[in-house]
Amino acid sequence: MALYSETVMDHFRNPRNVGVIEDADGVGEVGNPVCGDIMKIYLKIADGVITDVKFETFGCGSAIASSSMATEMIKGKPLSEALALTNKAVAEALDGLPAHKLHCSVLAEEAIKKAVRDYYDKNGVAYDPGLFPDCDHCEHCGA
């Protein structure tokens, strides 16, 4: 049995939405100091809908594939749907990740939430802080 699914390999070899949005409405950057993965998500938003999304990821193939898949899953969606995206949904869309690589899908979820929170903060949008993980002090990173 292969360690990685064909879907993971496709998103690793042909990542979607790679790049930077210079005038992004929201930016979220997260990292895992244990493995060294760093993920940055850029959002362009109009009328509460993600009209464009790009990512930059420094990390392993699973991190790149998770970033690529997550951006595909939220592009064109309302912010409420982006906030509802879970790492489990990203991993399932990739047809699974090895257990020791699941943290990559967690990073994708956290980067998206951090980008949405950045958008809310920049635009004075009220929100429930409980919707957002405290990425700087979460247990999975050991920070």
N, C-alpha and C. Protein backbone atom coordinates (compact mmCIF):
# COMPACT_ATOMS: atom_id res chain seq x y z
N MET A 1 0.83 -1.19 0.00
CA MET A 1 0.00 0.00 0.00
C MET A 1 0.88 1.25 0.00
N ALA A 2 0.55 2.21 -0.83
CA ALA A 2 1.31 3.45 -0.93
C ALA A 2 1.10 4.30 0.33
N LEU A 3 2.13 5.00 0.71
CA LEU A 3 2.06 5.87 1.88
C LEU A 3 1.14 7.06 1.62
N TYR A 4 1.14 7.57 0.37
CA TYR A 4 0.34 8.74 0.02
C TYR A 4 -0.64 8.40 -1.10
N SER A 5 -1.83 8.96 -1.01
CA SER A 5 -2.85 8.73 -2.04
C SER A 5 -2.46 9.45 -3.34
N GLU A 6 -3.12 9.04 -4.41
CA GLU A 6 -2.90 9.72 -5.69
C GLU A 6 -3.30 11.19 -5.61
N THR A 7 -4.33 11.48 -4.81
CA THR A 7 -4.78 12.86 -4.66
C THR A 7 -3.72 13.70 -3.96
N VAL A 8 -3.11 13.17 -2.91
CA VAL A 8 -2.03 13.89 -2.23
C VAL A 8 -0.89 14.14 -3.21
N MET A 9 -0.51 13.13 -3.94
CA MET A 9 0.61 13.26 -4.88
C MET A 9 0.28 14.28 -5.97
N ASP A 10 -0.96 14.30 -6.45
CA ASP A 10 -1.35 15.26 -7.47
C ASP A 10 -1.25 16.70 -6.95
N HIS A 11 -1.77 16.94 -5.73
CA HIS A 11 -1.72 18.29 -5.15
C HIS A 11 -0.29 18.68 -4.77
N PHE A 12 0.56 17.72 -4.50
CA PHE A 12 1.97 18.01 -4.23
C PHE A 12 2.70 18.36 -5.53
N ARG A 13 2.49 17.56 -6.54
CA ARG A 13 3.20 17.76 -7.82
C ARG A 13 2.62 18.93 -8.63
N ASN A 14 1.32 19.17 -8.48
CA ASN A 14 0.63 20.22 -9.24
C ASN A 14 -0.21 21.08 -8.30
N PRO A 15 0.43 21.77 -7.37
CA PRO A 15 -0.35 22.53 -6.40
C PRO A 15 -1.15 23.65 -7.06
N ARG A 16 -2.36 23.83 -6.56
CA ARG A 16 -3.25 24.88 -7.05
C ARG A 16 -3.11 26.11 -6.16
N ASN A 17 -3.29 27.27 -6.74
CA ASN A 17 -3.38 28.54 -6.00
C ASN A 17 -2.08 28.93 -5.28
N VAL A 18 -0.95 28.57 -5.84
CA VAL A 18 0.34 28.96 -5.26
C VAL A 18 0.61 30.42 -5.59
N GLY A 19 1.13 31.15 -4.62
CA GLY A 19 1.53 32.53 -4.89
C GLY A 19 1.14 33.47 -3.78
N VAL A 20 1.23 34.75 -4.10
CA VAL A 20 0.97 35.83 -3.16
C VAL A 20 -0.11 36.73 -3.74
N ILE A 21 -0.98 37.23 -2.90
CA ILE A 21 -1.91 38.29 -3.29
C ILE A 21 -1.38 39.55 -2.61
N GLU A 22 -0.80 40.43 -3.40
CA GLU A 22 -0.14 41.63 -2.86
C GLU A 22 -1.08 42.50 -2.04
N ASP A 23 -2.31 42.67 -2.49
CA ASP A 23 -3.27 43.52 -1.78
C ASP A 23 -4.33 42.66 -1.08
N ALA A 24 -3.88 41.60 -0.44
CA ALA A 24 -4.79 40.66 0.22
C ALA A 24 -5.63 41.37 1.29
N ASP A 25 -6.87 40.92 1.39
CA ASP A 25 -7.76 41.44 2.42
C ASP A 25 -7.51 40.79 3.77
N GLY A 26 -6.97 39.58 3.75
CA GLY A 26 -6.64 38.87 4.98
C GLY A 26 -5.47 37.94 4.72
N VAL A 27 -4.56 37.88 5.71
CA VAL A 27 -3.38 37.02 5.60
C VAL A 27 -3.25 36.25 6.90
N GLY A 28 -2.99 34.95 6.77
CA GLY A 28 -2.79 34.11 7.95
C GLY A 28 -1.53 33.29 7.78
N GLU A 29 -0.65 33.36 8.77
CA GLU A 29 0.58 32.57 8.73
C GLU A 29 0.68 31.75 10.01
N VAL A 30 0.97 30.47 9.84
CA VAL A 30 1.15 29.57 10.96
C VAL A 30 2.35 28.68 10.69
N GLY A 31 2.86 28.11 11.75
CA GLY A 31 3.99 27.20 11.60
C GLY A 31 4.00 26.16 12.69
N ASN A 32 4.72 25.10 12.44
CA ASN A 32 4.89 24.03 13.41
C ASN A 32 6.38 23.93 13.70
N PRO A 33 6.82 24.39 14.87
CA PRO A 33 8.25 24.38 15.17
C PRO A 33 8.84 22.97 15.27
N VAL A 34 8.01 21.97 15.50
CA VAL A 34 8.51 20.61 15.63
C VAL A 34 9.00 20.08 14.28
N CYS A 35 8.19 20.28 13.22
CA CYS A 35 8.56 19.75 11.91
C CYS A 35 9.12 20.82 10.98
N GLY A 36 8.91 22.09 11.31
CA GLY A 36 9.45 23.17 10.49
C GLY A 36 8.54 23.68 9.40
N ASP A 37 7.33 23.11 9.26
CA ASP A 37 6.40 23.57 8.22
C ASP A 37 5.92 24.98 8.53
N ILE A 38 5.87 25.82 7.49
CA ILE A 38 5.32 27.17 7.61
C ILE A 38 4.34 27.36 6.46
N MET A 39 3.15 27.85 6.79
CA MET A 39 2.09 28.01 5.81
C MET A 39 1.53 29.43 5.91
N LYS A 40 1.37 30.06 4.74
CA LYS A 40 0.81 31.41 4.68
C LYS A 40 -0.31 31.42 3.65
N ILE A 41 -1.48 31.90 4.07
CA ILE A 41 -2.67 31.95 3.23
C ILE A 41 -3.05 33.42 3.01
N TYR A 42 -3.35 33.77 1.76
CA TYR A 42 -3.78 35.11 1.38
C TYR A 42 -5.21 35.02 0.86
N LEU A 43 -6.07 35.93 1.33
CA LEU A 43 -7.47 35.94 0.90
C LEU A 43 -7.83 37.27 0.26
N LYS A 44 -8.61 37.20 -0.80
CA LYS A 44 -9.27 38.35 -1.41
C LYS A 44 -10.75 38.12 -1.18
N ILE A 45 -11.44 39.11 -0.60
CA ILE A 45 -12.82 38.93 -0.18
C ILE A 45 -13.69 40.06 -0.71
N ALA A 46 -14.85 39.70 -1.25
CA ALA A 46 -15.84 40.68 -1.70
C ALA A 46 -17.21 40.23 -1.24
N ASP A 47 -17.91 41.12 -0.55
CA ASP A 47 -19.26 40.83 -0.05
C ASP A 47 -19.31 39.53 0.76
N GLY A 48 -18.28 39.30 1.58
CA GLY A 48 -18.27 38.13 2.45
C GLY A 48 -17.93 36.82 1.77
N VAL A 49 -17.47 36.89 0.50
CA VAL A 49 -17.13 35.69 -0.26
C VAL A 49 -15.65 35.73 -0.65
N ILE A 50 -14.98 34.61 -0.55
CA ILE A 50 -13.58 34.51 -0.93
C ILE A 50 -13.50 34.43 -2.45
N THR A 51 -13.06 35.52 -3.06
CA THR A 51 -12.99 35.59 -4.52
C THR A 51 -11.66 35.07 -5.06
N ASP A 52 -10.61 35.12 -4.22
CA ASP A 52 -9.32 34.58 -4.61
C ASP A 52 -8.59 34.15 -3.35
N VAL A 53 -7.76 33.13 -3.50
CA VAL A 53 -6.97 32.63 -2.39
C VAL A 53 -5.66 32.09 -2.97
N LYS A 54 -4.57 32.40 -2.28
CA LYS A 54 -3.25 31.92 -2.67
C LYS A 54 -2.54 31.44 -1.41
N PHE A 55 -1.51 30.62 -1.62
CA PHE A 55 -0.72 30.16 -0.47
C PHE A 55 0.75 30.08 -0.82
N GLU A 56 1.54 30.20 0.23
CA GLU A 56 2.97 29.91 0.20
C GLU A 56 3.22 28.94 1.34
N THR A 57 3.84 27.82 1.03
CA THR A 57 4.13 26.83 2.07
C THR A 57 5.56 26.37 1.95
N PHE A 58 6.25 26.42 3.08
CA PHE A 58 7.58 25.85 3.19
C PHE A 58 7.40 24.60 4.03
N GLY A 59 7.57 23.46 3.42
CA GLY A 59 7.37 22.24 4.18
C GLY A 59 7.36 21.00 3.30
N CYS A 60 6.91 19.94 3.87
CA CYS A 60 6.90 18.64 3.21
C CYS A 60 5.77 18.55 2.17
N GLY A 61 5.75 17.46 1.45
CA GLY A 61 4.73 17.24 0.44
C GLY A 61 3.32 17.26 1.00
N SER A 62 3.14 16.73 2.20
CA SER A 62 1.80 16.73 2.82
C SER A 62 1.35 18.15 3.16
N ALA A 63 2.28 19.00 3.56
CA ALA A 63 1.94 20.39 3.87
C ALA A 63 1.54 21.13 2.60
N ILE A 64 2.27 20.90 1.52
CA ILE A 64 1.94 21.54 0.24
C ILE A 64 0.60 21.04 -0.27
N ALA A 65 0.39 19.74 -0.22
CA ALA A 65 -0.88 19.16 -0.67
C ALA A 65 -2.05 19.66 0.17
N SER A 66 -1.86 19.76 1.49
CA SER A 66 -2.92 20.25 2.38
C SER A 66 -3.26 21.70 2.07
N SER A 67 -2.24 22.53 1.83
CA SER A 67 -2.46 23.93 1.47
C SER A 67 -3.24 24.04 0.17
N SER A 68 -2.80 23.28 -0.82
CA SER A 68 -3.44 23.30 -2.13
C SER A 68 -4.90 22.88 -2.04
N MET A 69 -5.16 21.77 -1.38
CA MET A 69 -6.53 21.27 -1.26
C MET A 69 -7.40 22.25 -0.48
N ALA A 70 -6.88 22.77 0.62
CA ALA A 70 -7.67 23.68 1.44
C ALA A 70 -8.06 24.93 0.66
N THR A 71 -7.14 25.46 -0.14
CA THR A 71 -7.47 26.65 -0.92
C THR A 71 -8.54 26.34 -1.96
N GLU A 72 -8.48 25.16 -2.55
CA GLU A 72 -9.50 24.75 -3.52
C GLU A 72 -10.87 24.64 -2.83
N MET A 73 -10.87 24.20 -1.59
CA MET A 73 -12.12 23.96 -0.87
C MET A 73 -12.81 25.25 -0.43
N ILE A 74 -12.05 26.36 -0.30
CA ILE A 74 -12.67 27.61 0.18
C ILE A 74 -12.83 28.65 -0.91
N LYS A 75 -12.22 28.49 -2.05
CA LYS A 75 -12.31 29.48 -3.13
C LYS A 75 -13.75 29.58 -3.61
N GLY A 76 -14.26 30.82 -3.64
CA GLY A 76 -15.63 31.05 -4.08
C GLY A 76 -16.67 30.84 -3.00
N LYS A 77 -16.24 30.52 -1.80
CA LYS A 77 -17.16 30.23 -0.69
C LYS A 77 -17.30 31.43 0.24
N PRO A 78 -18.44 31.52 0.94
CA PRO A 78 -18.59 32.56 1.96
C PRO A 78 -17.63 32.31 3.13
N LEU A 79 -17.30 33.38 3.83
CA LEU A 79 -16.38 33.26 4.97
C LEU A 79 -16.88 32.26 6.00
N SER A 80 -18.20 32.17 6.18
CA SER A 80 -18.74 31.22 7.16
C SER A 80 -18.35 29.79 6.80
N GLU A 81 -18.33 29.45 5.52
CA GLU A 81 -17.93 28.10 5.10
C GLU A 81 -16.44 27.90 5.27
N ALA A 82 -15.65 28.93 5.01
CA ALA A 82 -14.20 28.82 5.21
C ALA A 82 -13.90 28.56 6.68
N LEU A 83 -14.62 29.25 7.56
CA LEU A 83 -14.40 29.06 9.00
C LEU A 83 -14.85 27.68 9.47
N ALA A 84 -15.77 27.07 8.75
CA ALA A 84 -16.27 25.74 9.12
C ALA A 84 -15.36 24.62 8.60
N LEU A 85 -14.42 24.95 7.72
CA LEU A 85 -13.52 23.92 7.17
C LEU A 85 -12.65 23.34 8.28
N THR A 86 -12.62 22.02 8.36
CA THR A 86 -11.83 21.36 9.39
C THR A 86 -10.65 20.64 8.77
N ASN A 87 -9.66 20.38 9.61
CA ASN A 87 -8.51 19.62 9.14
C ASN A 87 -8.94 18.22 8.70
N LYS A 88 -9.95 17.68 9.35
CA LYS A 88 -10.45 16.35 8.97
C LYS A 88 -11.01 16.38 7.55
N ALA A 89 -11.74 17.44 7.21
CA ALA A 89 -12.30 17.56 5.87
C ALA A 89 -11.19 17.69 4.82
N VAL A 90 -10.13 18.42 5.15
CA VAL A 90 -8.99 18.55 4.23
C VAL A 90 -8.34 17.20 4.02
N ALA A 91 -8.08 16.48 5.11
CA ALA A 91 -7.45 15.15 5.02
C ALA A 91 -8.33 14.19 4.22
N GLU A 92 -9.63 14.22 4.46
CA GLU A 92 -10.55 13.35 3.71
C GLU A 92 -10.56 13.69 2.23
N ALA A 93 -10.54 14.98 1.91
CA ALA A 93 -10.53 15.40 0.51
C ALA A 93 -9.26 14.94 -0.21
N LEU A 94 -8.18 14.79 0.57
CA LEU A 94 -6.92 14.29 0.02
C LEU A 94 -6.88 12.76 -0.03
N ASP A 95 -8.00 12.13 0.31
CA ASP A 95 -8.07 10.67 0.40
C ASP A 95 -7.13 10.13 1.46
N GLY A 96 -6.98 10.90 2.53
CA GLY A 96 -6.22 10.47 3.69
C GLY A 96 -4.78 10.97 3.71
N LEU A 97 -4.27 11.10 4.93
CA LEU A 97 -2.88 11.42 5.18
C LEU A 97 -2.37 10.42 6.22
N PRO A 98 -1.09 10.07 6.16
CA PRO A 98 -0.55 9.22 7.22
C PRO A 98 -0.71 9.91 8.58
N ALA A 99 -0.89 9.15 9.62
CA ALA A 99 -1.13 9.72 10.95
C ALA A 99 -0.07 10.75 11.35
N HIS A 100 1.18 10.47 11.02
CA HIS A 100 2.26 11.39 11.41
C HIS A 100 2.31 12.65 10.54
N LYS A 101 1.39 12.76 9.57
CA LYS A 101 1.32 13.94 8.71
C LYS A 101 0.00 14.70 8.86
N LEU A 102 -0.86 14.27 9.77
CA LEU A 102 -2.14 14.95 9.96
C LEU A 102 -1.98 16.39 10.42
N HIS A 103 -0.86 16.69 11.09
CA HIS A 103 -0.63 18.07 11.53
C HIS A 103 -0.59 19.04 10.35
N CYS A 104 -0.29 18.56 9.16
CA CYS A 104 -0.28 19.42 7.96
C CYS A 104 -1.67 19.93 7.64
N SER A 105 -2.67 19.07 7.78
CA SER A 105 -4.04 19.51 7.54
C SER A 105 -4.51 20.46 8.65
N VAL A 106 -3.99 20.27 9.86
CA VAL A 106 -4.30 21.18 10.97
C VAL A 106 -3.75 22.57 10.65
N LEU A 107 -2.53 22.63 10.12
CA LEU A 107 -1.95 23.92 9.76
C LEU A 107 -2.79 24.64 8.71
N ALA A 108 -3.30 23.90 7.73
CA ALA A 108 -4.14 24.51 6.69
C ALA A 108 -5.39 25.14 7.31
N GLU A 109 -6.05 24.40 8.19
CA GLU A 109 -7.24 24.92 8.87
C GLU A 109 -6.89 26.18 9.65
N GLU A 110 -5.81 26.13 10.41
CA GLU A 110 -5.41 27.27 11.25
C GLU A 110 -5.02 28.48 10.43
N ALA A 111 -4.33 28.28 9.31
CA ALA A 111 -3.91 29.41 8.47
C ALA A 111 -5.13 30.12 7.88
N ILE A 112 -6.12 29.34 7.46
CA ILE A 112 -7.34 29.94 6.91
C ILE A 112 -8.06 30.75 7.99
N LYS A 113 -8.19 30.17 9.15
CA LYS A 113 -8.87 30.89 10.24
C LYS A 113 -8.11 32.15 10.63
N LYS A 114 -6.80 32.08 10.63
CA LYS A 114 -6.00 33.26 10.96
C LYS A 114 -6.17 34.34 9.90
N ALA A 115 -6.28 33.95 8.63
CA ALA A 115 -6.48 34.92 7.55
C ALA A 115 -7.86 35.57 7.66
N VAL A 116 -8.87 34.80 7.97
CA VAL A 116 -10.21 35.37 8.14
C VAL A 116 -10.22 36.32 9.34
N ARG A 117 -9.59 35.92 10.41
CA ARG A 117 -9.53 36.79 11.60
C ARG A 117 -8.80 38.09 11.26
N ASP A 118 -7.73 38.00 10.48
CA ASP A 118 -7.00 39.19 10.06
C ASP A 118 -7.92 40.12 9.27
N TYR A 119 -8.72 39.55 8.37
CA TYR A 119 -9.69 40.33 7.60
C TYR A 119 -10.69 41.01 8.54
N TYR A 120 -11.24 40.25 9.48
CA TYR A 120 -12.19 40.82 10.43
C TYR A 120 -11.55 41.96 11.23
N ASP A 121 -10.33 41.74 11.71
CA ASP A 121 -9.65 42.77 12.50
C ASP A 121 -9.39 44.04 11.68
N LYS A 122 -8.94 43.88 10.44
CA LYS A 122 -8.65 45.03 9.57
C LYS A 122 -9.90 45.82 9.23
N ASN A 123 -11.05 45.16 9.21
CA ASN A 123 -12.29 45.79 8.79
C ASN A 123 -13.27 46.06 9.92
N GLY A 124 -12.85 45.87 11.14
CA GLY A 124 -13.70 46.16 12.29
C GLY A 124 -14.93 45.29 12.37
N VAL A 125 -14.85 44.06 11.85
CA VAL A 125 -15.98 43.15 11.90
C VAL A 125 -15.99 42.44 13.26
N ALA A 126 -17.10 42.51 13.96
CA ALA A 126 -17.22 41.84 15.26
C ALA A 126 -17.31 40.33 15.05
N TYR A 127 -16.68 39.59 15.95
CA TYR A 127 -16.70 38.13 15.85
C TYR A 127 -16.52 37.52 17.24
N ASP A 128 -16.86 36.25 17.32
CA ASP A 128 -16.68 35.48 18.55
C ASP A 128 -15.25 34.95 18.56
N PRO A 129 -14.40 35.39 19.50
CA PRO A 129 -13.02 34.91 19.53
C PRO A 129 -12.91 33.39 19.67
N GLY A 130 -13.95 32.75 20.17
CA GLY A 130 -13.95 31.30 20.32
C GLY A 130 -13.94 30.57 18.98
N LEU A 131 -14.24 31.28 17.89
CA LEU A 131 -14.21 30.66 16.56
C LEU A 131 -12.79 30.43 16.05
N PHE A 132 -11.83 31.09 16.72
CA PHE A 132 -10.46 31.06 16.22
C PHE A 132 -9.52 30.40 17.22
N PRO A 133 -8.68 29.50 16.74
CA PRO A 133 -7.71 28.87 17.64
C PRO A 133 -6.66 29.89 18.05
N ASP A 134 -6.09 29.70 19.21
CA ASP A 134 -4.98 30.52 19.66
C ASP A 134 -3.71 29.87 19.13
N CYS A 135 -3.43 30.11 17.85
CA CYS A 135 -2.35 29.41 17.15
C CYS A 135 -0.98 29.67 17.78
N ASP A 136 -0.85 30.78 18.47
CA ASP A 136 0.46 31.08 19.07
C ASP A 136 0.70 30.31 20.36
N HIS A 137 -0.33 29.68 20.89
CA HIS A 137 -0.18 28.97 22.17
C HIS A 137 -0.86 27.61 22.19
N CYS A 138 -1.07 27.01 21.02
CA CYS A 138 -1.79 25.75 20.99
C CYS A 138 -0.86 24.59 21.38
N GLU A 139 -1.46 23.52 21.88
CA GLU A 139 -0.69 22.39 22.37
C GLU A 139 -0.06 21.58 21.26
N HIS A 140 -0.71 21.46 20.08
CA HIS A 140 -0.17 20.58 19.06
C HIS A 140 1.18 21.04 18.53
N CYS A 141 1.44 22.36 18.64
CA CYS A 141 2.73 22.88 18.16
C CYS A 141 3.80 22.83 19.23
N GLY A 142 3.40 22.68 20.45
CA GLY A 142 4.37 22.70 21.55
C GLY A 142 4.81 24.11 21.89
N ALA A 143 4.08 25.11 21.39
CA ALA A 143 4.46 26.51 21.66
C ALA A 143 3.96 26.96 23.01
